C-alpha atoms as a PDB file:
ATOM      1  CA  PRO A   1      84.708  94.071 118.679  1.00  0.00           C
ATOM      2  CA  MET A   2      83.162  95.979 121.529  1.00  0.00           C
ATOM      3  CA  PRO A   3      79.980  97.860 120.670  1.00  0.00           C
ATOM      4  CA  LEU A   4      80.009 101.619 121.140  1.00  0.00           C
ATOM      5  CA  SER A   5      77.756 103.279 123.663  1.00  0.00           C
ATOM      6  CA  LYS A   6      75.223 105.803 122.342  1.00  0.00           C
ATOM      7  CA  ALA A   7      77.401 108.664 123.601  1.00  0.00           C
ATOM      8  CA  GLU A   8      80.511 107.233 121.894  1.00  0.00           C
ATOM      9  CA  ALA A   9      78.637 106.702 118.630  1.00  0.00           C
ATOM     10  CA  LYS A  10      77.315 110.277 118.754  1.00  0.00           C
ATOM     11  CA  PHE A  11      80.839 111.598 119.405  1.00  0.00           C
ATOM     12  CA  VAL A  12      82.206 109.710 116.389  1.00  0.00           C
ATOM     13  CA  LYS A  13      79.356 110.767 114.087  1.00  0.00           C
ATOM     14  CA  GLU A  14      79.682 114.429 115.064  1.00  0.00           C
ATOM     15  CA  GLY A  15      83.425 114.257 114.470  1.00  0.00           C
ATOM     16  CA  VAL A  16      82.884 112.823 110.994  1.00  0.00           C
ATOM     17  CA  ARG A  17      80.343 115.549 110.187  1.00  0.00           C
ATOM     18  CA  ALA A  18      82.700 118.269 111.456  1.00  0.00           C
ATOM     19  CA  ASN A  19      85.709 116.687 109.686  1.00  0.00           C
ATOM     20  CA  ILE A  20      87.751 116.492 112.891  1.00  0.00           C
ATOM     21  CA  ARG A  21      89.190 113.673 114.964  1.00  0.00           C
ATOM     22  CA  SER A  22      89.652 113.704 118.717  1.00  0.00           C
ATOM     23  CA  ASP A  23      93.365 114.471 118.246  1.00  0.00           C
ATOM     24  CA  GLY A  24      92.647 117.524 116.074  1.00  0.00           C
ATOM     25  CA  ARG A  25      93.427 115.974 112.693  1.00  0.00           C
ATOM     26  CA  GLY A  26      90.923 116.057 109.866  1.00  0.00           C
ATOM     27  CA  ARG A  27      89.312 112.856 108.597  1.00  0.00           C
ATOM     28  CA  LEU A  28      91.738 112.586 105.706  1.00  0.00           C
ATOM     29  CA  ASP A  29      94.858 113.768 107.564  1.00  0.00           C
ATOM     30  CA  PHE A  30      97.387 111.017 108.155  1.00  0.00           C
ATOM     31  CA  ARG A  31     100.225 110.763 110.641  1.00  0.00           C
ATOM     32  CA  ASP A  32     103.756 110.985 109.312  1.00  0.00           C
ATOM     33  CA  MET A  33     105.126 107.567 108.468  1.00  0.00           C
ATOM     34  CA  VAL A  34     108.678 106.378 107.814  1.00  0.00           C
ATOM     35  CA  LEU A  35     109.386 102.922 106.388  1.00  0.00           C
ATOM     36  CA  GLN A  36     112.915 101.584 106.003  1.00  0.00           C
ATOM     37  CA  THR A  37     113.985  98.186 104.737  1.00  0.00           C
ATOM     38  CA  GLY A  38     117.196  96.246 105.243  1.00  0.00           C
ATOM     39  CA  VAL A  39     117.730  97.627 108.749  1.00  0.00           C
ATOM     40  CA  ILE A  40     118.942  94.439 110.517  1.00  0.00           C
ATOM     41  CA  PRO A  41     122.247  93.184 109.071  1.00  0.00           C
ATOM     42  CA  GLY A  42     121.923  89.563 110.324  1.00  0.00           C
ATOM     43  CA  CYS A  43     118.534  88.974 108.672  1.00  0.00           C
ATOM     44  CA  ASN A  44     117.568  87.896 105.176  1.00  0.00           C
ATOM     45  CA  GLY A  45     114.949  90.644 105.210  1.00  0.00           C
ATOM     46  CA  SER A  46     113.962  93.351 107.667  1.00  0.00           C
ATOM     47  CA  ALA A  47     111.930  96.524 107.953  1.00  0.00           C
ATOM     48  CA  GLN A  48     111.226  99.299 110.435  1.00  0.00           C
ATOM     49  CA  LEU A  49     108.001 101.294 110.412  1.00  0.00           C
ATOM     50  CA  LYS A  50     107.607 104.453 112.467  1.00  0.00           C
ATOM     51  CA  LEU A  51     104.098 105.882 112.709  1.00  0.00           C
ATOM     52  CA  ALA A  52     103.618 108.655 115.276  1.00  0.00           C
ATOM     53  CA  GLU A  53     104.657 107.113 118.618  1.00  0.00           C
ATOM     54  CA  THR A  54     104.599 103.556 117.246  1.00  0.00           C
ATOM     55  CA  ASP A  55     107.835 101.886 116.180  1.00  0.00           C
ATOM     56  CA  VAL A  56     107.689  98.402 114.627  1.00  0.00           C
ATOM     57  CA  LEU A  57     110.819  96.423 113.794  1.00  0.00           C
ATOM     58  CA  VAL A  58     110.567  93.137 111.872  1.00  0.00           C
ATOM     59  CA  GLY A  59     113.317  90.718 110.919  1.00  0.00           C
ATOM     60  CA  VAL A  60     113.070  87.560 108.816  1.00  0.00           C
ATOM     61  CA  LYS A  61     115.639  84.769 108.734  1.00  0.00           C
ATOM     62  CA  VAL A  62     115.552  81.807 106.379  1.00  0.00           C
ATOM     63  CA  ASP A  63     117.424  78.533 106.836  1.00  0.00           C
ATOM     64  CA  LEU A  64     117.424  75.482 104.586  1.00  0.00           C
ATOM     65  CA  ALA A  65     117.235  72.097 106.264  1.00  0.00           C
ATOM     66  CA  GLU A  66     116.894  68.467 105.289  1.00  0.00           C
ATOM     67  CA  PRO A  67     113.312  67.187 105.069  1.00  0.00           C
ATOM     68  CA  SER A  68     112.080  64.817 107.752  1.00  0.00           C
ATOM     69  CA  PRO A  69     112.872  61.143 107.015  1.00  0.00           C
ATOM     70  CA  ASP A  70     109.150  60.422 107.487  1.00  0.00           C
ATOM     71  CA  PHE A  71     108.289  62.873 104.665  1.00  0.00           C
ATOM     72  CA  PRO A  72     111.354  63.116 102.407  1.00  0.00           C
ATOM     73  CA  GLU A  73     109.473  64.843  99.578  1.00  0.00           C
ATOM     74  CA  GLU A  74     107.871  67.545 101.751  1.00  0.00           C
ATOM     75  CA  GLY A  75     109.284  70.726 103.165  1.00  0.00           C
ATOM     76  CA  SER A  76     108.115  72.610 106.186  1.00  0.00           C
ATOM     77  CA  LEU A  77     107.930  76.129 107.557  1.00  0.00           C
ATOM     78  CA  ARG A  78     108.490  77.116 111.159  1.00  0.00           C
ATOM     79  CA  PHE A  79     107.632  80.517 112.599  1.00  0.00           C
ATOM     80  CA  SER A  80     108.950  82.197 115.684  1.00  0.00           C
ATOM     81  CA  VAL A  81     107.630  85.518 116.992  1.00  0.00           C
ATOM     82  CA  GLU A  82     109.379  87.655 119.605  1.00  0.00           C
ATOM     83  CA  CYS A  83     107.660  90.881 120.627  1.00  0.00           C
ATOM     84  CA  CYS A  84     109.401  93.486 122.743  1.00  0.00           C
ATOM     85  CA  THR A  85     108.270  93.569 126.369  1.00  0.00           C
ATOM     86  CA  GLY A  86     108.631  97.358 126.391  1.00  0.00           C
ATOM     87  CA  ALA A  87     105.933  97.784 123.757  1.00  0.00           C
ATOM     88  CA  SER A  88     103.092  97.906 126.287  1.00  0.00           C
ATOM     89  CA  PHE A  89     102.478  97.470 130.010  1.00  0.00           C
ATOM     90  CA  GLU A  90     100.174  94.586 129.021  1.00  0.00           C
ATOM     91  CA  PHE A  91     103.262  92.611 127.996  1.00  0.00           C
ATOM     92  CA  GLU A  92     104.831  92.635 131.451  1.00  0.00           C
ATOM     93  CA  SER A  93     105.239  89.267 133.141  1.00  0.00           C
ATOM     94  CA  ARG A  94     103.897  86.462 130.920  1.00  0.00           C
ATOM     95  CA  GLY A  95     101.668  88.635 128.743  1.00  0.00           C
ATOM     96  CA  ILE A  96     104.336  88.866 126.043  1.00  0.00           C
ATOM     97  CA  ASP A  97     104.744  85.066 125.937  1.00  0.00           C
ATOM     98  CA  ILE A  98     101.021  84.633 125.359  1.00  0.00           C
ATOM     99  CA  LEU A  99     101.040  87.215 122.551  1.00  0.00           C
ATOM    100  CA  ASN A 100     104.078  85.583 120.917  1.00  0.00           C
ATOM    101  CA  LEU A 101     102.333  82.177 120.939  1.00  0.00           C
ATOM    102  CA  GLU A 102      99.077  83.612 119.573  1.00  0.00           C
ATOM    103  CA  LEU A 103     100.937  85.326 116.714  1.00  0.00           C
ATOM    104  CA  GLU A 104     102.901  82.164 115.924  1.00  0.00           C
ATOM    105  CA  ARG A 105      99.671  80.164 115.742  1.00  0.00           C
ATOM    106  CA  CYS A 106      98.207  82.726 113.307  1.00  0.00           C
ATOM    107  CA  LEU A 107     101.158  82.255 110.974  1.00  0.00           C
END
């Protein structure tokens, strides 16, 4: 994480004391949130979360396959992540491919 400058830290502390955030909400005020499940028909599980201007859509598919002949008693999991290129200008060009790979490695 990036450290805050003295001015930024003062701004945050004063906001906490005054019970107000930079967007006008109070400390304990939350944005409206909508969560729906089962939104993608071709998936075994899916969900959509809308939080203010953020919209996240997740789908999960499961397939059964034969174990590898080298390890007939062991199963395996494989993950694939595909983020939408329209989510952020940072994802233009190859930025989205890098994020997808980083997320797959985390899983």
